[in-house]
């Protein structure tokens, strides 16, 4: 069993990460890269949330702005509208659900935290795409997912040159964590940002070194569900990438992942159950 800080304060409750948990994705977008994850009406949103929870996920991650290459540019007003509709609807029917909002905009974070008491801000911009994000998270006291990514949104699909990808991302995390701690933000989850500012080979090299990041004593999130690192390597589409996703999620768990973010919750939960069974007698 790991020695790291295995609880976070989320919505004034302690959430235990002693065993891996699953985060299910609800995209309130018409253009997400995986077509089956698009939810644009109330019935679709509720059905997606109900399935995520009934299949065994502990967290629902709601996004209103697709980060796929060449995605439409969504205004702040429209992103707030999309996300708030979904959050309000889901909490009305599932009031005990743990909600994460996937946004890089401080204005969106402010709105959902102050009006709906959202529990987690999942910032794919790593605090760099909106300079107000860290201060906003500090003010709202939400838990925070810190993602490694490019300095700007427009460069996130570019492959960067790394001399030592693990060491450089560790430095990134270390610097950002110090900034967050200085602002009083201590409930932090680390996301490797697979697919952002990394090419296929870099993604796999980083994936092989997940366990190195246990040094931070913070929960580690892996989000590789149906991503291009699977599609390009296996020459398949996102629609055909479930088996590859499940295989890589199992490896992520074995390598130290504490949260796996997925489109397909049932299969991910089964992987977690098998992982827990295998490791239950390991001292």
C-alpha atoms as a PDB file:
ATOM      1  CA  UNK A   1       0.000   0.000   0.000  1.00  0.00           C
ATOM      2  CA  UNK A   2       1.279   3.480  -0.808  1.00  0.00           C
ATOM      3  CA  UNK A   3       2.409   5.881   1.880  1.00  0.00           C
ATOM      4  CA  UNK A   4       1.092   9.037   0.236  1.00  0.00           C
ATOM      5  CA  UNK A   5      -1.603  11.379   1.482  1.00  0.00           C
ATOM      6  CA  UNK A   6      -4.571   9.276   0.447  1.00  0.00           C
ATOM      7  CA  UNK A   7      -7.405  11.615   1.385  1.00  0.00           C
ATOM      8  CA  UNK A   8      -8.456  14.953  -0.039  1.00  0.00           C
ATOM      9  CA  UNK A   9     -10.935  17.413   1.358  1.00  0.00           C
ATOM     10  CA  UNK A  10     -13.672  17.617  -1.252  1.00  0.00           C
ATOM     11  CA  UNK A  11     -16.841  19.564  -0.460  1.00  0.00           C
ATOM     12  CA  UNK A  12     -15.953  19.509   3.262  1.00  0.00           C
ATOM     13  CA  UNK A  13     -15.749  15.719   3.205  1.00  0.00           C
ATOM     14  CA  UNK A  14     -12.689  13.489   3.130  1.00  0.00           C
ATOM     15  CA  UNK A  15     -12.469  11.386  -0.025  1.00  0.00           C
ATOM     16  CA  UNK A  16     -10.247   8.342   0.321  1.00  0.00           C
ATOM     17  CA  UNK A  17      -7.799   7.391  -2.424  1.00  0.00           C
ATOM     18  CA  UNK A  18      -6.410   4.359  -0.620  1.00  0.00           C
ATOM     19  CA  UNK A  19      -7.803   2.348  -3.528  1.00  0.00           C
ATOM     20  CA  UNK A  20      -8.035   3.617  -7.131  1.00  0.00           C
ATOM     21  CA  UNK A  21     -11.189   5.450  -8.151  1.00  0.00           C
ATOM     22  CA  UNK A  22     -12.851   6.045 -11.508  1.00  0.00           C
ATOM     23  CA  UNK A  23     -13.839   9.429 -12.928  1.00  0.00           C
ATOM     24  CA  UNK A  24     -16.544   9.288 -15.596  1.00  0.00           C
ATOM     25  CA  UNK A  25     -16.668  11.876 -18.376  1.00  0.00           C
ATOM     26  CA  UNK A  26     -19.774  13.890 -19.306  1.00  0.00           C
ATOM     27  CA  UNK A  27     -19.089  16.184 -22.271  1.00  0.00           C
ATOM     28  CA  UNK A  28     -21.643  18.941 -22.841  1.00  0.00           C
ATOM     29  CA  UNK A  29     -20.251  19.565 -26.297  1.00  0.00           C
ATOM     30  CA  UNK A  30     -21.355  18.788 -29.852  1.00  0.00           C
ATOM     31  CA  UNK A  31     -17.787  18.174 -31.083  1.00  0.00           C
ATOM     32  CA  UNK A  32     -15.871  16.003 -28.590  1.00  0.00           C
ATOM     33  CA  UNK A  33     -13.402  13.681 -30.326  1.00  0.00           C
ATOM     34  CA  UNK A  34     -15.347  10.588 -29.187  1.00  0.00           C
ATOM     35  CA  UNK A  35     -18.829  10.925 -30.644  1.00  0.00           C
ATOM     36  CA  UNK A  36     -20.568   8.705 -28.080  1.00  0.00           C
ATOM     37  CA  UNK A  37     -19.490  11.040 -25.272  1.00  0.00           C
ATOM     38  CA  UNK A  38     -21.366  14.058 -26.647  1.00  0.00           C
ATOM     39  CA  UNK A  39     -24.368  15.100 -24.534  1.00  0.00           C
ATOM     40  CA  UNK A  40     -26.319  18.159 -25.602  1.00  0.00           C
ATOM     41  CA  UNK A  41     -29.810  17.809 -24.091  1.00  0.00           C
ATOM     42  CA  UNK A  42     -31.182  17.201 -20.598  1.00  0.00           C
ATOM     43  CA  UNK A  43     -32.143  13.581 -21.244  1.00  0.00           C
ATOM     44  CA  UNK A  44     -28.692  12.727 -22.610  1.00  0.00           C
ATOM     45  CA  UNK A  45     -26.946  14.445 -19.698  1.00  0.00           C
ATOM     46  CA  UNK A  46     -29.047  12.677 -17.071  1.00  0.00           C
ATOM     47  CA  UNK A  47     -28.690   9.319 -18.773  1.00  0.00           C
ATOM     48  CA  UNK A  48     -24.920   9.730 -18.947  1.00  0.00           C
ATOM     49  CA  UNK A  49     -24.667  10.712 -15.270  1.00  0.00           C
ATOM     50  CA  UNK A  50     -26.952   7.897 -14.136  1.00  0.00           C
ATOM     51  CA  UNK A  51     -24.930   5.347 -16.098  1.00  0.00           C
ATOM     52  CA  UNK A  52     -21.631   6.675 -14.741  1.00  0.00           C
ATOM     53  CA  UNK A  53     -22.827   6.369 -11.153  1.00  0.00           C
ATOM     54  CA  UNK A  54     -24.608   3.034 -11.570  1.00  0.00           C
ATOM     55  CA  UNK A  55     -21.528   1.570 -13.265  1.00  0.00           C
ATOM     56  CA  UNK A  56     -19.477   2.474 -10.214  1.00  0.00           C
ATOM     57  CA  UNK A  57     -17.588   5.719 -10.814  1.00  0.00           C
ATOM     58  CA  UNK A  58     -16.945   7.914  -7.790  1.00  0.00           C
ATOM     59  CA  UNK A  59     -16.535  11.221  -9.661  1.00  0.00           C
ATOM     60  CA  UNK A  60     -18.394  12.834 -12.581  1.00  0.00           C
ATOM     61  CA  UNK A  61     -16.244  15.157 -14.707  1.00  0.00           C
ATOM     62  CA  UNK A  62     -18.282  17.711 -16.678  1.00  0.00           C
ATOM     63  CA  UNK A  63     -16.809  19.672 -19.581  1.00  0.00           C
ATOM     64  CA  UNK A  64     -18.302  22.308 -21.858  1.00  0.00           C
ATOM     65  CA  UNK A  65     -15.298  23.076 -24.090  1.00  0.00           C
ATOM     66  CA  UNK A  66     -13.700  20.356 -26.206  1.00  0.00           C
ATOM     67  CA  UNK A  67      -9.879  20.301 -26.176  1.00  0.00           C
ATOM     68  CA  UNK A  68      -9.572  18.123 -29.265  1.00  0.00           C
ATOM     69  CA  UNK A  69      -7.497  19.546 -32.163  1.00  0.00           C
ATOM     70  CA  UNK A  70      -9.413  22.111 -34.244  1.00  0.00           C
ATOM     71  CA  UNK A  71     -12.334  22.172 -31.816  1.00  0.00           C
ATOM     72  CA  UNK A  72     -14.737  25.077 -32.038  1.00  0.00           C
ATOM     73  CA  UNK A  73     -13.922  28.112 -29.926  1.00  0.00           C
ATOM     74  CA  UNK A  74     -16.585  28.363 -27.231  1.00  0.00           C
ATOM     75  CA  UNK A  75     -17.288  31.715 -25.581  1.00  0.00           C
ATOM     76  CA  UNK A  76     -17.089  32.005 -21.793  1.00  0.00           C
ATOM     77  CA  UNK A  77     -20.823  32.735 -21.675  1.00  0.00           C
ATOM     78  CA  UNK A  78     -21.644  29.618 -23.660  1.00  0.00           C
ATOM     79  CA  UNK A  79     -19.285  27.414 -21.654  1.00  0.00           C
ATOM     80  CA  UNK A  80     -20.818  28.659 -18.402  1.00  0.00           C
ATOM     81  CA  UNK A  81     -24.312  28.033 -19.764  1.00  0.00           C
ATOM     82  CA  UNK A  82     -23.483  24.481 -20.850  1.00  0.00           C
ATOM     83  CA  UNK A  83     -21.715  23.508 -17.665  1.00  0.00           C
ATOM     84  CA  UNK A  84     -24.228  25.087 -15.288  1.00  0.00           C
ATOM     85  CA  UNK A  85     -27.166  23.372 -16.965  1.00  0.00           C
ATOM     86  CA  UNK A  86     -25.438  20.023 -16.533  1.00  0.00           C
ATOM     87  CA  UNK A  87     -24.251  20.580 -12.965  1.00  0.00           C
ATOM     88  CA  UNK A  88     -27.660  21.804 -11.791  1.00  0.00           C
ATOM     89  CA  UNK A  89     -29.450  18.944 -13.515  1.00  0.00           C
ATOM     90  CA  UNK A  90     -27.130  16.246 -12.181  1.00  0.00           C
ATOM     91  CA  UNK A  91     -27.098  17.549  -8.600  1.00  0.00           C
ATOM     92  CA  UNK A  92     -30.881  17.861  -8.617  1.00  0.00           C
ATOM     93  CA  UNK A  93     -31.225  14.146  -9.377  1.00  0.00           C
ATOM     94  CA  UNK A  94     -28.018  12.901  -7.725  1.00  0.00           C
ATOM     95  CA  UNK A  95     -27.355  15.317  -4.838  1.00  0.00           C
ATOM     96  CA  UNK A  96     -24.558  13.209  -3.354  1.00  0.00           C
ATOM     97  CA  UNK A  97     -22.552  12.997  -6.567  1.00  0.00           C
ATOM     98  CA  UNK A  98     -18.986  14.309  -6.484  1.00  0.00           C
ATOM     99  CA  UNK A  99     -18.751  16.774  -9.352  1.00  0.00           C
ATOM    100  CA  UNK A 100     -15.609  17.882 -11.161  1.00  0.00           C
ATOM    101  CA  UNK A 101     -15.752  20.629 -13.789  1.00  0.00           C
ATOM    102  CA  UNK A 102     -13.259  20.436 -16.641  1.00  0.00           C
ATOM    103  CA  UNK A 103     -12.360  24.034 -17.510  1.00  0.00           C
ATOM    104  CA  UNK A 104      -9.309  26.238 -17.962  1.00  0.00           C
ATOM    105  CA  UNK A 105     -11.285  29.450 -17.375  1.00  0.00           C
ATOM    106  CA  UNK A 106     -11.391  31.113 -13.973  1.00  0.00           C
ATOM    107  CA  UNK A 107     -14.787  32.665 -14.760  1.00  0.00           C
ATOM    108  CA  UNK A 108     -16.311  29.224 -15.303  1.00  0.00           C
ATOM    109  CA  UNK A 109     -14.706  27.911 -12.115  1.00  0.00           C
ATOM    110  CA  UNK A 110     -16.014  30.889 -10.139  1.00  0.00           C
ATOM    111  CA  UNK A 111     -19.539  30.436 -11.451  1.00  0.00           C
ATOM    112  CA  UNK A 112     -19.881  26.713 -10.783  1.00  0.00           C
ATOM    113  CA  UNK A 113     -18.159  26.794  -7.392  1.00  0.00           C
ATOM    114  CA  UNK A 114     -20.044  29.775  -6.024  1.00  0.00           C
ATOM    115  CA  UNK A 115     -23.466  28.903  -7.446  1.00  0.00           C
ATOM    116  CA  UNK A 116     -23.418  25.101  -7.284  1.00  0.00           C
ATOM    117  CA  UNK A 117     -20.700  24.268  -4.761  1.00  0.00           C
ATOM    118  CA  UNK A 118     -18.788  22.208  -7.313  1.00  0.00           C
ATOM    119  CA  UNK A 119     -16.233  20.035  -5.588  1.00  0.00           C
ATOM    120  CA  UNK A 120     -13.270  19.844  -8.003  1.00  0.00           C
ATOM    121  CA  UNK A 121     -11.841  22.073 -10.725  1.00  0.00           C
ATOM    122  CA  UNK A 122     -10.107  20.043 -13.439  1.00  0.00           C
ATOM    123  CA  UNK A 123      -7.856  22.601 -15.113  1.00  0.00           C
ATOM    124  CA  UNK A 124      -6.392  21.332 -18.382  1.00  0.00           C
ATOM    125  CA  UNK A 125      -4.532  24.634 -18.644  1.00  0.00           C
ATOM    126  CA  UNK A 126      -2.363  23.968 -15.604  1.00  0.00           C
ATOM    127  CA  UNK A 127      -3.004  27.490 -14.318  1.00  0.00           C
ATOM    128  CA  UNK A 128      -1.305  28.950 -17.405  1.00  0.00           C
ATOM    129  CA  UNK A 129      -4.195  29.503 -19.800  1.00  0.00           C
ATOM    130  CA  UNK A 130      -5.946  31.829 -17.350  1.00  0.00           C
ATOM    131  CA  UNK A 131      -3.746  33.691 -14.886  1.00  0.00           C
ATOM    132  CA  UNK A 132      -6.685  34.064 -12.470  1.00  0.00           C
ATOM    133  CA  UNK A 133      -7.266  30.340 -12.080  1.00  0.00           C
ATOM    134  CA  UNK A 134      -5.044  29.681  -9.040  1.00  0.00           C
ATOM    135  CA  UNK A 135      -6.481  32.646  -7.137  1.00  0.00           C
ATOM    136  CA  UNK A 136      -9.995  31.510  -8.028  1.00  0.00           C
ATOM    137  CA  UNK A 137      -9.403  27.991  -6.738  1.00  0.00           C
ATOM    138  CA  UNK A 138      -7.889  29.418  -3.549  1.00  0.00           C
ATOM    139  CA  UNK A 139     -10.934  31.622  -3.004  1.00  0.00           C
ATOM    140  CA  UNK A 140     -13.500  28.891  -3.674  1.00  0.00           C
ATOM    141  CA  UNK A 141     -11.524  26.207  -1.773  1.00  0.00           C
ATOM    142  CA  UNK A 142     -12.279  23.604  -4.420  1.00  0.00           C
ATOM    143  CA  UNK A 143      -9.941  20.659  -4.852  1.00  0.00           C
ATOM    144  CA  UNK A 144      -7.720  21.191  -7.878  1.00  0.00           C
ATOM    145  CA  UNK A 145      -6.501  18.943 -10.685  1.00  0.00           C
ATOM    146  CA  UNK A 146      -3.163  20.276 -11.930  1.00  0.00           C
ATOM    147  CA  UNK A 147      -2.457  19.213 -15.516  1.00  0.00           C
ATOM    148  CA  UNK A 148       0.857  19.280 -17.320  1.00  0.00           C
ATOM    149  CA  UNK A 149       0.317  20.976 -20.662  1.00  0.00           C
ATOM    150  CA  UNK A 150       1.666  23.666 -22.984  1.00  0.00           C
ATOM    151  CA  UNK A 151       2.019  27.305 -21.895  1.00  0.00           C
ATOM    152  CA  UNK A 152      -0.809  28.354 -24.235  1.00  0.00           C
ATOM    153  CA  UNK A 153      -3.955  26.645 -25.502  1.00  0.00           C
ATOM    154  CA  UNK A 154      -3.003  27.214 -29.130  1.00  0.00           C
ATOM    155  CA  UNK A 155       0.230  25.247 -28.710  1.00  0.00           C
ATOM    156  CA  UNK A 156      -1.230  22.284 -26.827  1.00  0.00           C
ATOM    157  CA  UNK A 157      -1.212  20.015 -29.887  1.00  0.00           C
ATOM    158  CA  UNK A 158       2.420  20.744 -30.684  1.00  0.00           C
ATOM    159  CA  UNK A 159       5.096  18.215 -29.742  1.00  0.00           C
ATOM    160  CA  UNK A 160       7.662  19.786 -27.455  1.00  0.00           C
ATOM    161  CA  UNK A 161      11.303  18.726 -27.160  1.00  0.00           C
ATOM    162  CA  UNK A 162      12.153  17.145 -23.805  1.00  0.00           C
ATOM    163  CA  UNK A 163      15.645  16.131 -22.778  1.00  0.00           C
ATOM    164  CA  UNK A 164      14.152  14.076 -19.928  1.00  0.00           C
ATOM    165  CA  UNK A 165      10.375  14.152 -20.034  1.00  0.00           C
ATOM    166  CA  UNK A 166       9.791  12.746 -16.544  1.00  0.00           C
ATOM    167  CA  UNK A 167      12.309  15.081 -14.914  1.00  0.00           C
ATOM    168  CA  UNK A 168      10.976  18.130 -16.723  1.00  0.00           C
ATOM    169  CA  UNK A 169       7.356  17.374 -15.836  1.00  0.00           C
ATOM    170  CA  UNK A 170       8.400  16.761 -12.229  1.00  0.00           C
ATOM    171  CA  UNK A 171       9.962  20.230 -12.226  1.00  0.00           C
ATOM    172  CA  UNK A 172       6.750  21.664 -13.685  1.00  0.00           C
ATOM    173  CA  UNK A 173       4.644  20.008 -10.989  1.00  0.00           C
ATOM    174  CA  UNK A 174       7.039  20.997  -8.221  1.00  0.00           C
ATOM    175  CA  UNK A 175       6.961  24.668  -9.213  1.00  0.00           C
ATOM    176  CA  UNK A 176       3.181  24.765  -9.597  1.00  0.00           C
ATOM    177  CA  UNK A 177       2.563  22.919  -6.319  1.00  0.00           C
ATOM    178  CA  UNK A 178       4.685  25.486  -4.470  1.00  0.00           C
ATOM    179  CA  UNK A 179       2.585  28.266  -5.996  1.00  0.00           C
ATOM    180  CA  UNK A 180      -0.645  26.507  -5.066  1.00  0.00           C
ATOM    181  CA  UNK A 181       0.510  25.760  -1.519  1.00  0.00           C
ATOM    182  CA  UNK A 182       1.524  29.396  -1.073  1.00  0.00           C
ATOM    183  CA  UNK A 183      -2.077  30.360  -1.889  1.00  0.00           C
ATOM    184  CA  UNK A 184      -3.408  27.819   0.603  1.00  0.00           C
ATOM    185  CA  UNK A 185      -4.358  25.177  -1.949  1.00  0.00           C
ATOM    186  CA  UNK A 186      -3.366  21.771  -0.602  1.00  0.00           C
ATOM    187  CA  UNK A 187      -6.012  19.422  -2.020  1.00  0.00           C
ATOM    188  CA  UNK A 188      -4.260  18.748  -5.324  1.00  0.00           C
ATOM    189  CA  UNK A 189      -4.435  15.932  -7.863  1.00  0.00           C
ATOM    190  CA  UNK A 190      -1.731  15.583 -10.519  1.00  0.00           C
ATOM    191  CA  UNK A 191      -2.699  14.884 -14.144  1.00  0.00           C
ATOM    192  CA  UNK A 192       0.101  13.960 -16.584  1.00  0.00           C
ATOM    193  CA  UNK A 193      -1.724  15.584 -19.501  1.00  0.00           C
ATOM    194  CA  UNK A 194      -1.350  12.711 -21.933  1.00  0.00           C
ATOM    195  CA  UNK A 195      -1.825  14.076 -25.435  1.00  0.00           C
ATOM    196  CA  UNK A 196      -1.043  17.680 -24.510  1.00  0.00           C
ATOM    197  CA  UNK A 197       2.310  19.043 -25.709  1.00  0.00           C
ATOM    198  CA  UNK A 198       3.518  15.482 -26.261  1.00  0.00           C
ATOM    199  CA  UNK A 199       3.770  13.256 -29.315  1.00  0.00           C
ATOM    200  CA  UNK A 200       2.946   9.547 -29.315  1.00  0.00           C
ATOM    201  CA  UNK A 201       6.422   8.383 -28.308  1.00  0.00           C
ATOM    202  CA  UNK A 202       6.633  10.981 -25.551  1.00  0.00           C
ATOM    203  CA  UNK A 203       3.265   9.906 -24.204  1.00  0.00           C
ATOM    204  CA  UNK A 204       4.376   6.298 -23.896  1.00  0.00           C
ATOM    205  CA  UNK A 205       7.727   7.213 -22.390  1.00  0.00           C
ATOM    206  CA  UNK A 206       5.966   9.318 -19.757  1.00  0.00           C
ATOM    207  CA  UNK A 207       3.404   6.581 -19.145  1.00  0.00           C
ATOM    208  CA  UNK A 208       6.186   4.118 -18.340  1.00  0.00           C
ATOM    209  CA  UNK A 209       7.394   6.458 -15.586  1.00  0.00           C
ATOM    210  CA  UNK A 210       4.121   7.131 -13.758  1.00  0.00           C
ATOM    211  CA  UNK A 211       5.416   5.528 -10.576  1.00  0.00           C
ATOM    212  CA  UNK A 212       8.227   8.100 -10.334  1.00  0.00           C
ATOM    213  CA  UNK A 213       5.608  10.730  -9.518  1.00  0.00           C
ATOM    214  CA  UNK A 214       4.599   9.065  -6.255  1.00  0.00           C
ATOM    215  CA  UNK A 215       7.358  11.213  -4.760  1.00  0.00           C
ATOM    216  CA  UNK A 216       4.859  14.095  -4.612  1.00  0.00           C
ATOM    217  CA  UNK A 217       2.610  12.259  -2.135  1.00  0.00           C
ATOM    218  CA  UNK A 218      -0.470  13.363  -4.088  1.00  0.00           C
ATOM    219  CA  UNK A 219      -3.091  11.357  -5.998  1.00  0.00           C
ATOM    220  CA  UNK A 220      -2.109  10.699  -9.628  1.00  0.00           C
ATOM    221  CA  UNK A 221      -4.723  10.931 -12.391  1.00  0.00           C
ATOM    222  CA  UNK A 222      -4.325   9.165 -15.722  1.00  0.00           C
ATOM    223  CA  UNK A 223      -6.602  10.133 -18.608  1.00  0.00           C
ATOM    224  CA  UNK A 224      -5.882   8.159 -21.755  1.00  0.00           C
ATOM    225  CA  UNK A 225      -9.429   7.092 -22.631  1.00  0.00           C
ATOM    226  CA  UNK A 226      -9.697   6.508 -26.418  1.00  0.00           C
ATOM    227  CA  UNK A 227      -6.971   9.132 -27.026  1.00  0.00           C
ATOM    228  CA  UNK A 228      -4.822   9.608 -30.099  1.00  0.00           C
ATOM    229  CA  UNK A 229      -1.822   7.877 -28.456  1.00  0.00           C
ATOM    230  CA  UNK A 230      -3.880   4.689 -28.825  1.00  0.00           C
ATOM    231  CA  UNK A 231      -5.429   5.525 -32.177  1.00  0.00           C
ATOM    232  CA  UNK A 232      -2.171   6.410 -33.905  1.00  0.00           C
ATOM    233  CA  UNK A 233      -0.149   3.549 -32.498  1.00  0.00           C
ATOM    234  CA  UNK A 234      -2.768   0.880 -33.301  1.00  0.00           C
ATOM    235  CA  UNK A 235      -4.168   2.575 -36.441  1.00  0.00           C
ATOM    236  CA  UNK A 236      -7.710   2.591 -35.077  1.00  0.00           C
ATOM    237  CA  UNK A 237     -10.438   5.172 -34.512  1.00  0.00           C
ATOM    238  CA  UNK A 238     -11.684   6.476 -31.166  1.00  0.00           C
ATOM    239  CA  UNK A 239     -14.812   4.345 -31.583  1.00  0.00           C
ATOM    240  CA  UNK A 240     -12.638   1.202 -31.787  1.00  0.00           C
ATOM    241  CA  UNK A 241     -10.321   2.080 -28.883  1.00  0.00           C
ATOM    242  CA  UNK A 242     -12.163   0.609 -25.894  1.00  0.00           C
ATOM    243  CA  UNK A 243     -10.070  -2.548 -25.663  1.00  0.00           C
ATOM    244  CA  UNK A 244      -6.814  -0.590 -25.925  1.00  0.00           C
ATOM    245  CA  UNK A 245      -8.069   1.903 -23.343  1.00  0.00           C
ATOM    246  CA  UNK A 246      -8.892  -0.857 -20.865  1.00  0.00           C
ATOM    247  CA  UNK A 247      -5.494  -2.478 -21.388  1.00  0.00           C
ATOM    248  CA  UNK A 248      -3.656   0.782 -20.797  1.00  0.00           C
ATOM    249  CA  UNK A 249      -5.838   1.645 -17.790  1.00  0.00           C
ATOM    250  CA  UNK A 250      -4.883  -1.688 -16.217  1.00  0.00           C
ATOM    251  CA  UNK A 251      -1.220  -0.870 -16.764  1.00  0.00           C
ATOM    252  CA  UNK A 252      -1.763   2.606 -15.319  1.00  0.00           C
ATOM    253  CA  UNK A 253      -3.186   1.078 -12.143  1.00  0.00           C
ATOM    254  CA  UNK A 254      -0.233  -1.282 -11.877  1.00  0.00           C
ATOM    255  CA  UNK A 255       2.121   1.681 -12.350  1.00  0.00           C
ATOM    256  CA  UNK A 256       0.578   3.736  -9.558  1.00  0.00           C
ATOM    257  CA  UNK A 257      -2.452   5.617 -10.915  1.00  0.00           C
ATOM    258  CA  UNK A 258      -4.989   6.593  -8.246  1.00  0.00           C
ATOM    259  CA  UNK A 259      -7.690   7.991 -10.536  1.00  0.00           C
ATOM    260  CA  UNK A 260      -8.484   6.898 -14.065  1.00  0.00           C
ATOM    261  CA  UNK A 261     -10.581   9.283 -16.146  1.00  0.00           C
ATOM    262  CA  UNK A 262     -12.694   7.431 -18.703  1.00  0.00           C
ATOM    263  CA  UNK A 263     -15.569   7.466 -21.151  1.00  0.00           C
ATOM    264  CA  UNK A 264     -16.417   3.815 -20.394  1.00  0.00           C
ATOM    265  CA  UNK A 265     -16.942   3.435 -16.660  1.00  0.00           C
ATOM    266  CA  UNK A 266     -18.061  -0.182 -16.426  1.00  0.00           C
ATOM    267  CA  UNK A 267     -14.899  -1.528 -18.026  1.00  0.00           C
ATOM    268  CA  UNK A 268     -12.688   0.780 -15.942  1.00  0.00           C
ATOM    269  CA  UNK A 269     -14.384  -0.253 -12.696  1.00  0.00           C
ATOM    270  CA  UNK A 270     -13.870  -3.898 -13.600  1.00  0.00           C
ATOM    271  CA  UNK A 271     -10.169  -3.192 -14.159  1.00  0.00           C
ATOM    272  CA  UNK A 272      -9.980  -1.538 -10.730  1.00  0.00           C
ATOM    273  CA  UNK A 273     -11.739  -4.475  -9.072  1.00  0.00           C
ATOM    274  CA  UNK A 274      -9.318  -6.954 -10.637  1.00  0.00           C
ATOM    275  CA  UNK A 275      -6.349  -4.789  -9.667  1.00  0.00           C
ATOM    276  CA  UNK A 276      -7.592  -4.584  -6.078  1.00  0.00           C
ATOM    277  CA  UNK A 277      -8.107  -8.349  -5.960  1.00  0.00           C
ATOM    278  CA  UNK A 278      -4.591  -9.042  -7.176  1.00  0.00           C
ATOM    279  CA  UNK A 279      -3.015  -6.582  -4.749  1.00  0.00           C
ATOM    280  CA  UNK A 280      -5.129  -7.219  -1.644  1.00  0.00           C
ATOM    281  CA  UNK A 281      -2.623  -9.689  -0.205  1.00  0.00           C
ATOM    282  CA  UNK A 282       0.491  -7.766  -1.195  1.00  0.00           C
ATOM    283  CA  UNK A 283       2.186  -6.253   1.837  1.00  0.00           C
END
